[in-house]
Amino acid sequence: MKFETIDYIVFAAYALLIVSLGLWVSFRKRDSETNSGDYFLAGRALPWWAIGASLIASNISAEQFIGMSGSGFAIGLGIASYEWMAALTLILVAVFFLPIFLEKKIFTMPQFLESRYDKRVKTVMAGFWLLVFVFVNLTSIIYLGALAMYNIMGVPMLYAMIGLAFFAALYSIYGGLKAVAWTDVVQVVFLVGGGLITTYFALDHLSDGQGFIAGFKALLQKAPQKFDMILEKGTLMIPDGKGGLKDAYLDLPGISVLIGGMWVANLYYWGCNQYIIQRALAAKSIKEAQNGLVFAAYLKLLIPLIVVIPGIVAFALNADIAKSDEAYPWLLHNFVPTGVKGLAFAALVAAIVSSLASMMNSVSTIFTMDIYREYIDKKASEHKLVTVGRLASLTALIIAVIIAPQLSTLDQAFQYIQEFTGFVSPGALAIFLAGFFYKKATANGALAAAIGTFVFSLLFKVFMPTLPFMDRMGIVFLLSMLLIWIFARIEGNKNHEKAITISFDMFKTSKAFVIGSIGVIVILIFFYTIWW
């Protein structure tokens, strides 16, 4: 991909803007005055639009631009269910999860688990999250980002990994969530704007210069098989990453995508995941937090146009690529004109860097507040907690850079991330839902579910390898809930005093939230009606 001078100028301007803004936010307050609330939760002062923008900037990374475009190339629009169902999930989380979390005034998800269950549950889940965040999420973000830079600009993978890590670390390690959130507001503009530009030029080329709408119509005609939202078993074979083929049904198992395991993945990710929910915990108020999630829901409706459609266009153009994940870089290389490549590349880097910064901040928050302060130095000063948080961010980043090259054998990295996160999500979601709405749930039941989610998932993967991982998540979730119920029956009211008192008033929302939510639901019904 040949960059001309103007492309380098555009990209350099983007990088300078982000770093300058991040450092400005970081140094507005003297280091000696920064406390854990400032560093980990941005002083609990984020407005709705910053929350929504930061949620999407944190969520959308190379795993979407590269990984989901690759799945769009291999599978088609069906992969967009991850995004569109997430929009509905955000509304449910805003109504039923956020009021409980914000009332507790917690820093981390493990802290909630301690308040509802006990310290053992908190520690076990904190350990699980740290392992998944560092060895799956952070590692995959760095690998896919480096892969994109290699395919687009020819930057050697190792140098690209180090460069991306350095870029994210430059402002986020010192500034904490406040620096991450406010730079995310700018990052999401580049992410959405640059992504839409790439999609426009790809569709414009497909229609021989007739424009975006004509290009989309041409895409529907040239690749109709890629516009099935609900896949049937045996109808679509895709690369398995090992030189062979597999049934796409294993990744998106038909109707159960809408009524099964996808709900487990989405409710866990958007409602129980420190990496995401930390932005809402930093809100000025419950109203700001809920409106921020609705704003994020509308952006999620738009994301498939940016990250899935380009992959389908690459398929329609018979892209000469070795792996599905090379679809997006191939489009940038061939169809985005000089002068715009720098902006498109900035969009991709914005997605990568914002996610890296957010993930590092979440790792440092959990390690500092749930491990260090609990077991290493219970009397640590506010300044020391911030220092430990910075060191934890740096350590996690170094580990991820070292491990990232091991992902080079994957064909669809997005599916890898979903599958292995799915080892944690069923049990974690069961623990939280039982903690919210089942007063008899006990700490031992929660601990059994935390361990059981790994055991059950591993047994299904080994002994039932043909079971779609999404169906596996649904089954493991039900088994985890069953474990919690069994322990509750055995132990009686052992944890009854820690049960959460739920009232109807907790779930009241503003008129603006209700109207916004109805709009999201209407658009979703329209999408699924067209492409069922």
Protein backbone atom coordinates (compact mmCIF):
# COMPACT_ATOMS: atom_id res chain seq x y z
CA MET A 1 0.00 0.00 0.00
CA LYS A 2 1.75 3.11 -1.26
CA PHE A 3 1.47 6.07 1.06
CA GLU A 4 2.03 9.47 -0.51
CA THR A 5 3.16 12.56 1.40
CA ILE A 6 -0.42 13.68 2.07
CA ASP A 7 -1.25 10.29 3.62
CA TYR A 8 1.69 10.54 6.00
CA ILE A 9 0.67 14.08 6.93
CA VAL A 10 -2.93 13.02 7.69
CA PHE A 11 -1.81 10.07 9.80
CA ALA A 12 0.84 12.11 11.62
CA ALA A 13 -1.75 14.81 12.38
CA TYR A 14 -4.06 12.19 13.87
CA ALA A 15 -1.30 10.70 16.03
CA LEU A 16 -0.19 14.14 17.23
CA LEU A 17 -3.77 15.12 18.09
CA ILE A 18 -4.41 11.98 20.15
CA VAL A 19 -1.13 12.07 22.04
CA SER A 20 -1.41 15.81 22.72
CA LEU A 21 -4.97 15.49 23.99
CA GLY A 22 -4.07 12.47 26.13
CA LEU A 23 -1.09 14.17 27.70
CA TRP A 24 -3.01 17.41 28.25
CA VAL A 25 -5.75 15.55 30.12
CA SER A 26 -3.13 13.55 32.03
CA PHE A 27 -1.16 16.57 33.26
CA ARG A 28 -4.08 18.91 34.05
CA LYS A 29 -3.91 17.64 37.61
CA ARG A 30 -0.65 17.32 39.51
CA ASP A 31 0.46 13.75 40.09
CA SER A 32 0.48 14.20 43.86
CA GLU A 33 -3.21 15.19 43.71
CA THR A 34 -4.33 12.22 41.62
CA ASN A 35 -6.22 9.58 43.59
CA SER A 36 -7.56 6.15 42.69
CA GLY A 37 -10.98 7.59 41.83
CA ASP A 38 -9.39 9.98 39.32
CA TYR A 39 -7.10 7.38 37.78
CA PHE A 40 -9.42 4.37 37.56
CA LEU A 41 -12.84 6.05 37.22
CA ALA A 42 -12.09 9.51 35.78
CA GLY A 43 -13.36 11.17 38.96
CA ARG A 44 -16.85 9.71 38.28
CA ALA A 45 -17.56 12.72 36.08
CA LEU A 46 -18.08 11.41 32.52
CA PRO A 47 -21.09 12.77 30.53
CA TRP A 48 -23.29 10.50 28.38
CA TRP A 49 -21.67 11.33 25.06
CA ALA A 50 -18.18 10.58 26.38
CA ILE A 51 -19.41 7.29 27.86
CA GLY A 52 -21.03 6.19 24.59
CA ALA A 53 -18.05 7.21 22.47
CA SER A 54 -15.58 5.54 24.82
CA LEU A 55 -17.63 2.32 24.91
CA ILE A 56 -17.51 1.99 21.13
CA ALA A 57 -13.89 3.10 20.77
CA SER A 58 -12.92 0.52 23.40
CA ASN A 59 -15.07 -2.18 21.84
CA ILE A 60 -14.16 -1.72 18.18
CA SER A 61 -10.59 -2.75 17.50
CA ALA A 62 -8.56 -4.73 15.03
CA GLU A 63 -10.64 -7.75 15.98
CA GLN A 64 -13.58 -6.00 14.28
CA PHE A 65 -11.83 -4.14 11.46
CA ILE A 66 -9.64 -7.11 10.60
CA GLY A 67 -11.26 -10.07 12.33
CA MET A 68 -14.92 -9.29 11.65
CA SER A 69 -14.19 -8.21 8.07
CA GLY A 70 -12.49 -11.59 7.71
CA SER A 71 -15.61 -13.28 9.03
CA GLY A 72 -17.69 -11.14 6.65
CA PHE A 73 -15.52 -12.44 3.79
CA ALA A 74 -15.87 -16.06 4.96
CA ILE A 75 -19.39 -16.13 6.40
CA GLY A 76 -21.23 -12.97 5.38
CA LEU A 77 -23.68 -10.60 7.06
CA GLY A 78 -24.64 -13.24 9.64
CA ILE A 79 -21.60 -12.20 11.70
CA ALA A 80 -23.27 -8.77 12.12
CA SER A 81 -25.54 -10.38 14.74
CA TYR A 82 -22.72 -9.78 17.21
CA GLU A 83 -23.11 -6.03 16.61
CA TRP A 84 -26.86 -5.71 16.15
CA MET A 85 -27.77 -7.91 19.10
CA ALA A 86 -25.23 -5.96 21.16
CA ALA A 87 -27.33 -2.83 20.53
CA LEU A 88 -30.32 -4.46 22.20
CA THR A 89 -28.09 -5.86 24.95
CA LEU A 90 -26.84 -2.35 25.79
CA ILE A 91 -30.41 -1.27 26.49
CA LEU A 92 -31.03 -4.24 28.78
CA VAL A 93 -27.77 -3.60 30.65
CA ALA A 94 -28.65 0.08 31.04
CA VAL A 95 -32.02 -0.78 32.61
CA PHE A 96 -31.28 -3.84 34.75
CA PHE A 97 -27.53 -3.89 35.49
CA LEU A 98 -26.33 -0.30 35.81
CA PRO A 99 -28.66 0.81 38.63
CA ILE A 100 -27.36 -2.01 40.82
CA PHE A 101 -23.68 -1.35 40.05
CA LEU A 102 -23.89 2.42 40.49
CA GLU A 103 -25.78 2.11 43.76
CA LYS A 104 -22.87 0.02 45.11
CA LYS A 105 -20.31 2.70 44.05
CA ILE A 106 -17.80 0.02 43.10
CA PHE A 107 -14.52 0.32 41.18
CA THR A 108 -14.51 -3.20 39.74
CA MET A 109 -16.75 -6.15 38.95
CA PRO A 110 -14.91 -8.35 41.49
CA GLN A 111 -15.80 -5.80 44.18
CA PHE A 112 -19.46 -6.35 43.43
CA LEU A 113 -18.96 -10.09 43.73
CA GLU A 114 -17.38 -9.65 47.16
CA SER A 115 -20.27 -7.48 48.37
CA ARG A 116 -22.82 -10.02 47.12
CA TYR A 117 -20.96 -13.28 47.84
CA ASP A 118 -17.54 -13.29 49.53
CA LYS A 119 -13.83 -12.63 49.09
CA ARG A 120 -13.14 -16.06 47.55
CA VAL A 121 -15.51 -15.44 44.64
CA LYS A 122 -14.02 -12.00 44.10
CA THR A 123 -10.46 -13.32 44.01
CA VAL A 124 -11.17 -16.28 41.73
CA MET A 125 -13.04 -14.16 39.19
CA ALA A 126 -10.43 -11.39 39.39
CA GLY A 127 -7.80 -13.99 38.52
CA PHE A 128 -9.86 -15.36 35.64
CA TRP A 129 -10.43 -11.88 34.22
CA LEU A 130 -6.77 -10.92 34.44
CA LEU A 131 -5.78 -14.09 32.56
CA VAL A 132 -8.38 -13.60 29.81
CA PHE A 133 -7.72 -9.86 29.45
CA VAL A 134 -3.96 -10.28 29.13
CA PHE A 135 -3.60 -13.63 27.32
CA VAL A 136 -6.64 -13.46 25.00
CA ASN A 137 -7.95 -9.91 24.56
CA LEU A 138 -4.87 -7.71 24.89
CA THR A 139 -2.74 -10.21 22.98
CA SER A 140 -5.20 -10.54 20.09
CA ILE A 141 -5.62 -6.76 19.77
CA ILE A 142 -1.87 -6.33 19.41
CA TYR A 143 -1.51 -9.24 16.97
CA LEU A 144 -4.37 -8.18 14.68
CA GLY A 145 -3.23 -4.56 14.76
CA ALA A 146 0.29 -5.57 13.80
CA LEU A 147 -1.07 -7.86 11.07
CA ALA A 148 -2.96 -4.93 9.60
CA MET A 149 0.10 -2.67 9.65
CA TYR A 150 2.17 -5.42 8.00
CA ASN A 151 -0.37 -6.04 5.24
CA ILE A 152 -1.06 -2.37 4.63
CA MET A 153 2.34 -0.72 5.00
CA GLY A 154 4.78 -3.63 5.15
CA VAL A 155 5.83 -2.81 8.71
CA PRO A 156 7.50 -5.92 10.22
CA MET A 157 5.17 -7.59 12.72
CA LEU A 158 7.45 -7.18 15.74
CA TYR A 159 8.04 -3.49 15.07
CA ALA A 160 4.31 -2.96 14.53
CA MET A 161 3.47 -4.63 17.83
CA ILE A 162 6.00 -2.54 19.73
CA GLY A 163 4.87 0.64 17.95
CA LEU A 164 1.19 0.13 18.74
CA ALA A 165 1.97 -0.73 22.36
CA PHE A 166 4.15 2.37 22.72
CA PHE A 167 1.48 4.61 21.15
CA ALA A 168 -1.20 3.37 23.59
CA ALA A 169 1.14 3.49 26.57
CA LEU A 170 2.33 7.02 25.81
CA TYR A 171 -0.75 8.71 27.24
CA SER A 172 -2.91 6.02 28.87
CA ILE A 173 -0.49 4.64 31.48
CA TYR A 174 0.07 8.03 33.08
CA GLY A 175 -3.39 9.53 32.58
CA GLY A 176 -5.63 6.57 33.45
CA LEU A 177 -9.30 6.30 32.48
CA LYS A 178 -9.75 10.06 32.15
CA ALA A 179 -7.11 10.25 29.41
CA VAL A 180 -8.49 7.10 27.77
CA ALA A 181 -12.12 8.28 27.78
CA TRP A 182 -11.50 11.77 26.45
CA THR A 183 -9.16 10.61 23.69
CA ASP A 184 -11.79 7.98 22.82
CA VAL A 185 -14.22 10.77 21.94
CA VAL A 186 -11.82 11.85 19.19
CA GLN A 187 -10.83 8.28 18.31
CA VAL A 188 -14.43 7.29 17.59
CA VAL A 189 -14.75 10.15 15.07
CA PHE A 190 -11.74 8.80 13.16
CA LEU A 191 -12.93 5.22 13.61
CA VAL A 192 -16.44 5.78 12.22
CA GLY A 193 -15.51 8.44 9.67
CA GLY A 194 -12.48 6.64 8.28
CA GLY A 195 -14.31 3.31 8.28
CA LEU A 196 -17.25 4.70 6.33
CA ILE A 197 -14.88 6.22 3.78
CA THR A 198 -13.26 2.83 3.14
CA THR A 199 -16.69 1.22 2.71
CA TYR A 200 -17.75 3.99 0.32
CA PHE A 201 -14.76 3.57 -2.00
CA ALA A 202 -15.07 -0.23 -1.96
CA LEU A 203 -18.76 -0.11 -2.93
CA ASP A 204 -18.12 2.67 -5.43
CA HIS A 205 -15.54 0.49 -7.18
CA LEU A 206 -17.95 -2.46 -7.20
CA SER A 207 -20.49 -0.31 -9.07
CA ASP A 208 -17.88 1.02 -11.55
CA GLY A 209 -18.00 4.51 -10.10
CA GLN A 210 -21.78 4.74 -9.73
CA GLY A 211 -21.64 5.49 -6.01
CA PHE A 212 -22.45 3.95 -2.65
CA ILE A 213 -26.10 2.97 -3.21
CA ALA A 214 -25.45 1.43 -6.63
CA GLY A 215 -22.49 -0.43 -5.13
CA PHE A 216 -24.63 -1.90 -2.38
CA LYS A 217 -27.23 -3.06 -4.91
CA ALA A 218 -24.45 -4.65 -6.96
CA LEU A 219 -23.14 -6.39 -3.86
CA LEU A 220 -26.57 -7.92 -3.18
CA GLN A 221 -26.60 -9.28 -6.73
CA LYS A 222 -23.01 -10.58 -6.82
CA ALA A 223 -22.93 -12.17 -3.36
CA PRO A 224 -26.53 -13.01 -2.34
CA GLN A 225 -25.33 -16.04 -0.36
CA LYS A 226 -23.47 -13.67 2.01
CA PHE A 227 -26.67 -11.95 3.15
CA ASP A 228 -28.24 -14.74 5.15
CA MET A 229 -28.54 -13.75 8.79
CA ILE A 230 -29.60 -17.25 9.86
CA LEU A 231 -27.30 -20.03 8.62
CA GLU A 232 -28.48 -23.59 8.04
CA LYS A 233 -26.31 -26.60 8.79
CA GLY A 234 -24.25 -27.78 5.80
CA THR A 235 -25.02 -24.82 3.53
CA LEU A 236 -21.76 -22.86 3.80
CA MET A 237 -18.23 -24.18 4.12
CA ILE A 238 -15.43 -21.83 5.23
CA PRO A 239 -11.66 -22.14 5.90
CA ASP A 240 -10.84 -23.81 9.21
CA GLY A 241 -7.42 -22.15 9.55
CA LYS A 242 -5.65 -25.51 9.10
CA GLY A 243 -5.79 -25.81 5.33
CA GLY A 244 -9.21 -27.47 5.27
CA LEU A 245 -12.87 -26.47 5.47
CA LYS A 246 -15.51 -26.44 8.18
CA ASP A 247 -19.24 -25.77 8.34
CA ALA A 248 -19.96 -22.07 9.05
CA TYR A 249 -22.84 -23.33 11.19
CA LEU A 250 -20.24 -24.14 13.85
CA ASP A 251 -19.58 -20.40 14.24
CA LEU A 252 -23.15 -19.14 13.78
CA PRO A 253 -25.56 -22.00 14.61
CA GLY A 254 -28.81 -20.91 13.00
CA ILE A 255 -31.69 -19.63 15.08
CA SER A 256 -29.86 -20.32 18.33
CA VAL A 257 -27.77 -17.24 17.53
CA LEU A 258 -30.86 -15.17 18.31
CA ILE A 259 -32.26 -17.16 21.22
CA GLY A 260 -29.24 -19.01 22.64
CA GLY A 261 -25.55 -18.56 23.29
CA MET A 262 -25.22 -15.15 21.66
CA TRP A 263 -27.17 -13.70 24.59
CA VAL A 264 -24.67 -15.23 26.98
CA ALA A 265 -21.77 -13.67 25.08
CA ASN A 266 -23.39 -10.24 24.80
CA LEU A 267 -24.87 -9.94 28.29
CA TYR A 268 -21.54 -10.98 29.79
CA TYR A 269 -19.47 -8.68 27.58
CA TRP A 270 -21.60 -5.55 27.94
CA GLY A 271 -22.94 -6.09 31.44
CA CYS A 272 -20.31 -7.93 33.51
CA ASN A 273 -17.03 -7.10 31.79
CA GLN A 274 -14.73 -4.64 33.57
CA TYR A 275 -13.22 -3.61 30.24
CA ILE A 276 -16.58 -2.21 29.10
CA ILE A 277 -18.65 -1.40 32.17
CA GLN A 278 -15.87 0.71 33.71
CA ARG A 279 -16.97 3.65 31.54
CA ALA A 280 -20.49 3.52 32.95
CA LEU A 281 -19.14 3.25 36.50
CA ALA A 282 -17.39 6.57 35.84
CA ALA A 283 -20.62 8.38 34.93
CA LYS A 284 -21.84 11.56 36.61
CA SER A 285 -25.18 9.90 37.35
CA ILE A 286 -27.34 6.90 36.47
CA LYS A 287 -29.17 9.02 33.86
CA GLU A 288 -25.90 9.94 32.13
CA ALA A 289 -24.76 6.32 32.20
CA GLN A 290 -28.01 5.02 30.68
CA ASN A 291 -28.12 7.68 27.96
CA GLY A 292 -24.49 6.88 27.16
CA LEU A 293 -25.39 3.24 26.57
CA VAL A 294 -28.26 4.17 24.23
CA PHE A 295 -25.88 6.39 22.27
CA ALA A 296 -23.48 3.45 22.03
CA ALA A 297 -26.38 1.24 20.83
CA TYR A 298 -26.99 3.52 17.84
CA LEU A 299 -23.31 3.42 16.97
CA LYS A 300 -23.40 -0.39 17.16
CA LEU A 301 -26.17 -0.43 14.54
CA LEU A 302 -23.78 1.38 12.22
CA ILE A 303 -20.69 -0.78 12.83
CA PRO A 304 -21.50 -3.67 10.40
CA LEU A 305 -21.46 -1.14 7.56
CA ILE A 306 -17.88 -0.33 8.55
CA VAL A 307 -16.48 -3.75 9.42
CA VAL A 308 -18.65 -6.48 7.81
CA ILE A 309 -19.67 -5.05 4.42
CA PRO A 310 -16.02 -4.46 3.36
CA GLY A 311 -15.33 -8.17 3.88
CA ILE A 312 -18.30 -9.11 1.68
CA VAL A 313 -17.12 -6.63 -0.97
CA ALA A 314 -13.69 -8.30 -0.95
CA PHE A 315 -15.44 -11.64 -1.55
CA ALA A 316 -17.50 -10.20 -4.40
CA LEU A 317 -14.32 -8.82 -5.99
CA ASN A 318 -12.61 -12.25 -5.73
CA ALA A 319 -9.88 -10.92 -3.45
CA ASP A 320 -6.55 -12.68 -3.93
CA ILE A 321 -5.81 -13.36 -0.26
CA ALA A 322 -4.40 -16.30 1.68
CA LYS A 323 -6.46 -15.77 4.86
CA SER A 324 -9.92 -14.37 5.47
CA ASP A 325 -8.44 -11.82 7.89
CA GLU A 326 -6.53 -10.21 5.01
CA ALA A 327 -9.75 -8.93 3.39
CA TYR A 328 -9.77 -5.46 4.96
CA PRO A 329 -6.08 -4.67 4.33
CA TRP A 330 -6.58 -5.89 0.73
CA LEU A 331 -9.38 -3.35 0.23
CA LEU A 332 -7.33 -0.51 1.67
CA HIS A 333 -4.42 -1.47 -0.54
CA ASN A 334 -6.38 -1.63 -3.77
CA PHE A 335 -9.31 0.77 -3.66
CA VAL A 336 -8.77 3.64 -1.23
CA PRO A 337 -7.20 6.57 -3.14
CA THR A 338 -4.16 8.60 -2.21
CA GLY A 339 -5.02 11.35 0.24
CA VAL A 340 -7.63 9.17 1.91
CA LYS A 341 -5.43 6.21 2.79
CA GLY A 342 -3.90 8.13 5.66
CA LEU A 343 -7.36 8.80 7.13
CA ALA A 344 -8.51 5.20 6.61
CA PHE A 345 -5.34 3.93 8.24
CA ALA A 346 -5.81 6.41 11.09
CA ALA A 347 -9.29 4.93 11.65
CA LEU A 348 -7.80 1.46 11.96
CA VAL A 349 -5.03 2.58 14.31
CA ALA A 350 -7.56 4.59 16.35
CA ALA A 351 -9.58 1.42 16.90
CA ILE A 352 -6.49 -0.56 17.92
CA VAL A 353 -4.93 2.03 20.21
CA SER A 354 -8.17 2.97 22.00
CA SER A 355 -8.87 -0.70 22.74
CA LEU A 356 -5.32 -1.29 23.94
CA ALA A 357 -5.50 1.71 26.24
CA SER A 358 -8.88 0.66 27.64
CA MET A 359 -7.83 -2.95 28.20
CA MET A 360 -4.63 -1.88 29.97
CA ASN A 361 -6.62 0.41 32.25
CA SER A 362 -9.07 -2.35 33.16
CA VAL A 363 -6.26 -4.82 33.90
CA SER A 364 -4.56 -2.29 36.16
CA THR A 365 -7.84 -1.49 37.94
CA ILE A 366 -8.60 -5.11 38.79
CA PHE A 367 -5.03 -5.94 39.76
CA THR A 368 -4.61 -2.84 41.93
CA MET A 369 -7.99 -2.74 43.67
CA ASP A 370 -8.72 -6.46 43.97
CA ILE A 371 -5.30 -8.10 44.26
CA TYR A 372 -2.69 -5.58 45.41
CA ARG A 373 -4.82 -3.62 47.88
CA GLU A 374 -6.46 -6.79 49.18
CA TYR A 375 -3.45 -9.10 49.61
CA ILE A 376 -0.21 -7.14 49.30
CA ASP A 377 -0.66 -3.72 50.89
CA LYS A 378 -4.00 -3.07 52.56
CA LYS A 379 -2.83 0.33 53.83
CA ALA A 380 -1.48 1.60 50.51
CA SER A 381 -1.88 5.34 50.00
CA GLU A 382 -3.87 6.76 47.10
CA HIS A 383 -0.64 7.81 45.38
CA LYS A 384 0.81 4.32 45.73
CA LEU A 385 -2.34 2.72 44.29
CA VAL A 386 -2.03 4.93 41.22
CA THR A 387 1.65 4.02 40.85
CA VAL A 388 0.88 0.30 41.12
CA GLY A 389 -1.88 0.74 38.53
CA ARG A 390 0.59 2.27 36.09
CA LEU A 391 3.10 -0.52 36.62
CA ALA A 392 0.37 -3.15 36.17
CA SER A 393 -0.63 -1.57 32.83
CA LEU A 394 2.95 -1.62 31.60
CA THR A 395 3.54 -5.21 32.71
CA ALA A 396 0.37 -6.46 31.01
CA LEU A 397 1.35 -4.71 27.80
CA ILE A 398 4.84 -6.24 27.77
CA ILE A 399 3.43 -9.75 28.35
CA ALA A 400 0.93 -9.31 25.51
CA VAL A 401 3.62 -8.15 23.06
CA ILE A 402 5.71 -11.22 23.89
CA ILE A 403 2.80 -13.66 23.42
CA ALA A 404 1.03 -12.04 20.44
CA PRO A 405 3.17 -13.68 17.68
CA GLN A 406 1.76 -17.09 18.73
CA LEU A 407 -1.59 -16.17 17.10
CA SER A 408 -0.13 -16.19 13.57
CA THR A 409 -1.72 -19.56 12.65
CA LEU A 410 -5.32 -18.32 12.96
CA ASP A 411 -7.60 -17.78 9.95
CA GLN A 412 -10.41 -15.90 11.72
CA ALA A 413 -9.02 -14.36 14.89
CA PHE A 414 -12.42 -12.88 15.75
CA GLN A 415 -13.83 -16.37 16.23
CA TYR A 416 -10.81 -17.38 18.34
CA ILE A 417 -11.48 -14.48 20.70
CA GLN A 418 -15.17 -15.31 20.97
CA GLU A 419 -14.58 -19.01 21.62
CA PHE A 420 -11.99 -18.67 24.36
CA THR A 421 -13.75 -15.77 26.04
CA GLY A 422 -16.69 -18.17 26.01
CA PHE A 423 -14.87 -20.32 28.57
CA VAL A 424 -15.41 -17.53 31.13
CA SER A 425 -18.61 -15.81 30.06
CA PRO A 426 -21.28 -18.49 30.84
CA GLY A 427 -20.27 -18.96 34.47
CA ALA A 428 -19.58 -15.27 35.04
CA LEU A 429 -22.98 -14.26 33.67
CA ALA A 430 -24.69 -16.91 35.79
CA ILE A 431 -22.94 -15.61 38.91
CA PHE A 432 -24.00 -12.02 38.24
CA LEU A 433 -27.61 -12.77 37.28
CA ALA A 434 -28.04 -14.99 40.32
CA GLY A 435 -26.44 -12.27 42.43
CA PHE A 436 -28.94 -9.74 41.13
CA PHE A 437 -32.18 -11.66 41.09
CA TYR A 438 -31.83 -14.89 43.12
CA LYS A 439 -31.70 -14.09 46.83
CA LYS A 440 -30.84 -17.65 47.84
CA ALA A 441 -27.65 -17.79 45.73
CA THR A 442 -24.64 -18.58 47.93
CA ALA A 443 -20.92 -17.94 47.72
CA ASN A 444 -20.16 -21.64 47.39
CA GLY A 445 -22.61 -21.90 44.50
CA ALA A 446 -20.98 -18.93 42.79
CA LEU A 447 -17.53 -20.47 43.33
CA ALA A 448 -18.75 -23.77 41.86
CA ALA A 449 -20.09 -21.93 38.81
CA ALA A 450 -16.81 -20.02 38.38
CA ILE A 451 -14.85 -23.27 38.27
CA GLY A 452 -17.57 -25.23 36.48
CA THR A 453 -17.68 -22.88 33.52
CA PHE A 454 -14.10 -23.87 32.62
CA VAL A 455 -14.60 -27.57 33.36
CA PHE A 456 -17.85 -27.87 31.42
CA SER A 457 -16.51 -25.84 28.47
CA LEU A 458 -13.36 -27.93 28.24
CA LEU A 459 -15.29 -31.21 28.42
CA PHE A 460 -17.65 -30.12 25.65
CA LYS A 461 -14.77 -28.92 23.48
CA VAL A 462 -12.84 -32.22 23.91
CA PHE A 463 -15.69 -34.74 23.76
CA MET A 464 -18.18 -32.85 21.54
CA PRO A 465 -15.96 -30.91 19.11
CA THR A 466 -18.75 -30.64 16.53
CA LEU A 467 -21.02 -28.74 18.94
CA PRO A 468 -21.03 -25.04 17.88
CA PHE A 469 -19.23 -23.03 20.54
CA MET A 470 -22.17 -20.63 20.76
CA ASP A 471 -24.50 -23.51 21.63
CA ARG A 472 -21.86 -24.72 24.08
CA MET A 473 -21.94 -21.34 25.84
CA GLY A 474 -25.71 -21.56 26.20
CA ILE A 475 -25.57 -25.07 27.66
CA VAL A 476 -22.70 -24.22 30.03
CA PHE A 477 -24.61 -21.16 31.22
CA LEU A 478 -27.61 -23.34 32.10
CA LEU A 479 -25.35 -25.85 33.86
CA SER A 480 -23.73 -23.03 35.84
CA MET A 481 -27.14 -21.75 36.91
CA LEU A 482 -28.07 -25.29 37.90
CA LEU A 483 -24.96 -25.51 40.10
CA ILE A 484 -25.90 -22.25 41.82
CA TRP A 485 -29.44 -23.53 42.40
CA ILE A 486 -28.22 -26.88 43.79
CA PHE A 487 -25.90 -25.19 46.29
CA ALA A 488 -28.69 -22.80 47.27
CA ARG A 489 -30.98 -25.76 47.99
CA ILE A 490 -28.28 -27.52 50.01
CA GLU A 491 -27.12 -24.50 52.03
CA GLY A 492 -30.46 -22.81 52.59
CA ASN A 493 -30.26 -19.13 53.49
CA LYS A 494 -26.53 -19.06 54.22
CA ASN A 495 -25.93 -15.90 52.16
CA HIS A 496 -29.37 -14.40 52.54
CA GLU A 497 -28.09 -11.32 54.40
CA LYS A 498 -26.02 -10.32 51.36
CA ALA A 499 -28.90 -10.61 48.89
CA ILE A 500 -29.72 -7.49 46.89
CA THR A 501 -33.06 -5.85 47.54
CA ILE A 502 -34.68 -5.15 44.20
CA SER A 503 -37.43 -2.56 43.81
CA PHE A 504 -39.34 -1.37 40.75
CA ASP A 505 -38.09 2.18 41.30
CA MET A 506 -34.49 1.04 40.66
CA PHE A 507 -35.33 0.36 37.00
CA LYS A 508 -37.13 3.59 36.13
CA THR A 509 -35.63 5.46 33.17
CA SER A 510 -35.97 8.89 31.57
CA LYS A 511 -38.27 9.66 28.62
CA ALA A 512 -35.24 10.33 26.42
CA PHE A 513 -33.90 6.87 27.22
CA VAL A 514 -37.25 5.21 26.44
CA ILE A 515 -37.62 7.03 23.11
CA GLY A 516 -34.03 6.22 22.14
CA SER A 517 -34.49 2.57 23.06
CA ILE A 518 -37.66 2.24 20.98
CA GLY A 519 -35.76 3.65 18.00
CA VAL A 520 -33.04 1.02 18.37
CA ILE A 521 -35.60 -1.81 18.57
CA VAL A 522 -37.51 -0.60 15.48
CA ILE A 523 -34.30 -0.45 13.42
CA LEU A 524 -33.28 -3.95 14.56
CA ILE A 525 -36.67 -5.40 13.57
CA PHE A 526 -36.29 -3.74 10.16
CA PHE A 527 -32.80 -5.22 9.61
CA TYR A 528 -33.75 -8.77 10.57
CA THR A 529 -36.99 -8.63 8.57
CA ILE A 530 -35.06 -7.75 5.41
CA TRP A 531 -32.22 -10.29 5.75
CA TRP A 532 -33.85 -13.18 7.58
